[in-house]
Amino acid sequence: MTSLSQGPWTAEDEDLLVSNLEIGQPLEILANVLGRSEFALAMKMVRMYCKGQLVVLHPDSLDHLLKSTKA
């Protein structure tokens, strides 16, 4: 991963954030890659969540959802 500069969040920044969250990448590493603080990442996640751009599922909820969709 290459380090991106600070400034306004780009679509590429958001995609990188979401894709790395999905694979369980720690915020500390993501913060370094994106050149932002962990707080900035957390606030971006909150804003994305409030806009419906980020869905957060507890692992037990995801497991239940996956089991319930099996026919």
N, C-alpha and C. Protein backbone atom coordinates (compact mmCIF):
# COMPACT_ATOMS: atom_id res chain seq x y z
N MET A 1 0.84 -1.17 0.00
CA MET A 1 0.00 0.00 0.00
C MET A 1 0.89 1.24 0.00
N THR A 2 0.45 2.23 -0.73
CA THR A 2 1.21 3.46 -0.75
C THR A 2 0.54 4.49 0.15
N SER A 3 1.32 5.36 0.70
CA SER A 3 0.80 6.40 1.59
C SER A 3 0.12 7.49 0.78
N LEU A 4 -1.05 7.88 1.20
CA LEU A 4 -1.78 8.95 0.54
C LEU A 4 -1.65 10.22 1.36
N SER A 5 -1.83 11.36 0.72
CA SER A 5 -1.66 12.62 1.43
C SER A 5 -2.93 12.99 2.19
N GLN A 6 -2.75 13.85 3.21
CA GLN A 6 -3.89 14.38 3.94
C GLN A 6 -4.60 15.39 3.06
N GLY A 7 -5.75 15.80 3.49
CA GLY A 7 -6.57 16.74 2.74
C GLY A 7 -7.97 16.16 2.67
N PRO A 8 -8.77 16.65 1.75
CA PRO A 8 -10.12 16.11 1.62
C PRO A 8 -10.08 14.62 1.29
N TRP A 9 -11.06 13.91 1.80
CA TRP A 9 -11.16 12.48 1.52
C TRP A 9 -11.58 12.29 0.07
N THR A 10 -10.88 11.43 -0.62
CA THR A 10 -11.24 11.10 -2.00
C THR A 10 -12.02 9.79 -2.00
N ALA A 11 -12.65 9.49 -3.12
CA ALA A 11 -13.35 8.21 -3.26
C ALA A 11 -12.35 7.06 -3.09
N GLU A 12 -11.13 7.25 -3.57
CA GLU A 12 -10.10 6.22 -3.44
C GLU A 12 -9.76 6.00 -1.96
N ASP A 13 -9.65 7.08 -1.19
CA ASP A 13 -9.39 6.98 0.25
C ASP A 13 -10.50 6.18 0.93
N GLU A 14 -11.75 6.52 0.60
CA GLU A 14 -12.89 5.85 1.22
C GLU A 14 -12.92 4.37 0.85
N ASP A 15 -12.66 4.06 -0.42
CA ASP A 15 -12.63 2.67 -0.86
C ASP A 15 -11.53 1.89 -0.13
N LEU A 16 -10.37 2.51 0.01
CA LEU A 16 -9.25 1.88 0.70
C LEU A 16 -9.61 1.64 2.17
N LEU A 17 -10.24 2.62 2.80
CA LEU A 17 -10.66 2.47 4.19
C LEU A 17 -11.62 1.31 4.34
N VAL A 18 -12.67 1.29 3.54
CA VAL A 18 -13.70 0.25 3.66
C VAL A 18 -13.14 -1.13 3.34
N SER A 19 -12.39 -1.26 2.27
CA SER A 19 -11.88 -2.57 1.90
C SER A 19 -10.93 -3.12 2.96
N ASN A 20 -10.15 -2.25 3.57
CA ASN A 20 -9.24 -2.71 4.62
C ASN A 20 -9.96 -2.99 5.93
N LEU A 21 -11.03 -2.27 6.21
CA LEU A 21 -11.84 -2.59 7.39
C LEU A 21 -12.47 -3.97 7.22
N GLU A 22 -12.92 -4.27 6.01
CA GLU A 22 -13.56 -5.56 5.74
C GLU A 22 -12.62 -6.74 5.98
N ILE A 23 -11.34 -6.54 5.78
CA ILE A 23 -10.40 -7.65 6.00
C ILE A 23 -9.79 -7.60 7.40
N GLY A 24 -10.25 -6.65 8.21
CA GLY A 24 -9.81 -6.60 9.60
C GLY A 24 -8.49 -5.90 9.85
N GLN A 25 -8.10 -5.05 8.93
CA GLN A 25 -6.84 -4.30 9.10
C GLN A 25 -6.97 -3.36 10.30
N PRO A 26 -6.01 -3.35 11.20
CA PRO A 26 -6.06 -2.45 12.35
C PRO A 26 -6.05 -0.98 11.94
N LEU A 27 -6.78 -0.15 12.70
CA LEU A 27 -6.83 1.28 12.40
C LEU A 27 -5.46 1.93 12.43
N GLU A 28 -4.59 1.45 13.30
CA GLU A 28 -3.24 2.02 13.39
C GLU A 28 -2.51 1.93 12.04
N ILE A 29 -2.63 0.78 11.40
CA ILE A 29 -1.97 0.60 10.10
C ILE A 29 -2.66 1.44 9.04
N LEU A 30 -3.99 1.43 9.04
CA LEU A 30 -4.73 2.24 8.07
C LEU A 30 -4.41 3.72 8.22
N ALA A 31 -4.30 4.18 9.45
CA ALA A 31 -3.97 5.58 9.69
C ALA A 31 -2.63 5.93 9.06
N ASN A 32 -1.66 5.05 9.22
CA ASN A 32 -0.34 5.29 8.62
C ASN A 32 -0.40 5.30 7.11
N VAL A 33 -1.13 4.36 6.54
CA VAL A 33 -1.25 4.26 5.08
C VAL A 33 -1.94 5.50 4.50
N LEU A 34 -3.01 5.93 5.17
CA LEU A 34 -3.77 7.06 4.68
C LEU A 34 -3.19 8.41 5.10
N GLY A 35 -2.18 8.39 5.96
CA GLY A 35 -1.57 9.62 6.41
C GLY A 35 -2.50 10.46 7.27
N ARG A 36 -3.33 9.78 8.07
CA ARG A 36 -4.30 10.44 8.93
C ARG A 36 -4.24 9.84 10.32
N SER A 37 -4.81 10.53 11.28
CA SER A 37 -4.83 10.00 12.64
C SER A 37 -5.92 8.93 12.77
N GLU A 38 -5.79 8.09 13.78
CA GLU A 38 -6.83 7.10 14.05
C GLU A 38 -8.15 7.80 14.35
N PHE A 39 -8.08 8.96 15.02
CA PHE A 39 -9.29 9.73 15.31
C PHE A 39 -9.96 10.18 14.02
N ALA A 40 -9.17 10.64 13.06
CA ALA A 40 -9.71 11.08 11.77
C ALA A 40 -10.40 9.91 11.06
N LEU A 41 -9.82 8.73 11.13
CA LEU A 41 -10.44 7.56 10.53
C LEU A 41 -11.75 7.22 11.23
N ALA A 42 -11.74 7.26 12.55
CA ALA A 42 -12.95 6.96 13.32
C ALA A 42 -14.06 7.95 12.98
N MET A 43 -13.73 9.22 12.87
CA MET A 43 -14.73 10.23 12.54
C MET A 43 -15.26 10.03 11.11
N LYS A 44 -14.38 9.67 10.20
CA LYS A 44 -14.81 9.39 8.83
C LYS A 44 -15.76 8.20 8.82
N MET A 45 -15.45 7.18 9.60
CA MET A 45 -16.32 6.00 9.67
C MET A 45 -17.69 6.39 10.21
N VAL A 46 -17.74 7.25 11.21
CA VAL A 46 -19.02 7.71 11.78
C VAL A 46 -19.81 8.47 10.71
N ARG A 47 -19.13 9.38 9.99
CA ARG A 47 -19.82 10.15 8.95
C ARG A 47 -20.36 9.24 7.84
N MET A 48 -19.54 8.27 7.44
CA MET A 48 -19.98 7.33 6.40
C MET A 48 -21.15 6.48 6.89
N TYR A 49 -21.09 6.07 8.14
CA TYR A 49 -22.18 5.28 8.73
C TYR A 49 -23.47 6.09 8.75
N CYS A 50 -23.39 7.34 9.17
CA CYS A 50 -24.58 8.21 9.25
C CYS A 50 -25.19 8.46 7.87
N LYS A 51 -24.37 8.45 6.83
CA LYS A 51 -24.85 8.66 5.47
C LYS A 51 -25.30 7.35 4.81
N GLY A 52 -25.18 6.23 5.53
CA GLY A 52 -25.55 4.94 4.96
C GLY A 52 -24.50 4.38 4.01
N GLN A 53 -23.28 4.91 4.08
CA GLN A 53 -22.21 4.46 3.20
C GLN A 53 -21.35 3.36 3.83
N LEU A 54 -21.60 3.09 5.10
CA LEU A 54 -20.82 2.09 5.82
C LEU A 54 -21.78 1.34 6.74
N VAL A 55 -21.74 0.03 6.66
CA VAL A 55 -22.57 -0.80 7.52
C VAL A 55 -21.65 -1.58 8.43
N VAL A 56 -21.99 -1.57 9.70
CA VAL A 56 -21.17 -2.26 10.68
C VAL A 56 -22.01 -3.39 11.27
N LEU A 57 -21.51 -4.60 11.15
CA LEU A 57 -22.21 -5.75 11.71
C LEU A 57 -21.34 -6.40 12.77
N HIS A 58 -21.94 -6.75 13.87
CA HIS A 58 -21.25 -7.55 14.88
C HIS A 58 -21.04 -8.93 14.27
N PRO A 59 -19.92 -9.57 14.53
CA PRO A 59 -19.67 -10.89 13.94
C PRO A 59 -20.81 -11.89 14.18
N ASP A 60 -21.42 -11.86 15.35
CA ASP A 60 -22.53 -12.77 15.61
C ASP A 60 -23.72 -12.45 14.72
N SER A 61 -23.97 -11.16 14.46
CA SER A 61 -25.07 -10.76 13.58
C SER A 61 -24.80 -11.21 12.16
N LEU A 62 -23.56 -11.05 11.70
CA LEU A 62 -23.20 -11.48 10.36
C LEU A 62 -23.35 -12.98 10.23
N ASP A 63 -22.90 -13.72 11.22
CA ASP A 63 -23.01 -15.18 11.20
C ASP A 63 -24.48 -15.59 11.13
N HIS A 64 -25.33 -14.92 11.92
CA HIS A 64 -26.76 -15.22 11.91
C HIS A 64 -27.36 -14.91 10.54
N LEU A 65 -26.99 -13.79 9.95
CA LEU A 65 -27.49 -13.39 8.65
C LEU A 65 -27.10 -14.43 7.59
N LEU A 66 -25.85 -14.85 7.62
CA LEU A 66 -25.38 -15.83 6.64
C LEU A 66 -26.09 -17.17 6.80
N LYS A 67 -26.30 -17.59 8.03
CA LYS A 67 -27.00 -18.86 8.27
C LYS A 67 -28.46 -18.77 7.84
N SER A 68 -29.10 -17.63 8.05
CA SER A 68 -30.52 -17.50 7.73
C SER A 68 -30.77 -17.40 6.24
N THR A 69 -29.76 -17.06 5.44
CA THR A 69 -29.94 -16.93 4.00
C THR A 69 -29.65 -18.24 3.27
N LYS A 70 -29.14 -19.23 3.97
CA LYS A 70 -28.89 -20.53 3.34
C LYS A 70 -30.22 -21.26 3.18
N ALA A 71 -30.47 -21.70 1.98
CA ALA A 71 -31.75 -22.38 1.73
C ALA A 71 -31.57 -23.88 1.71
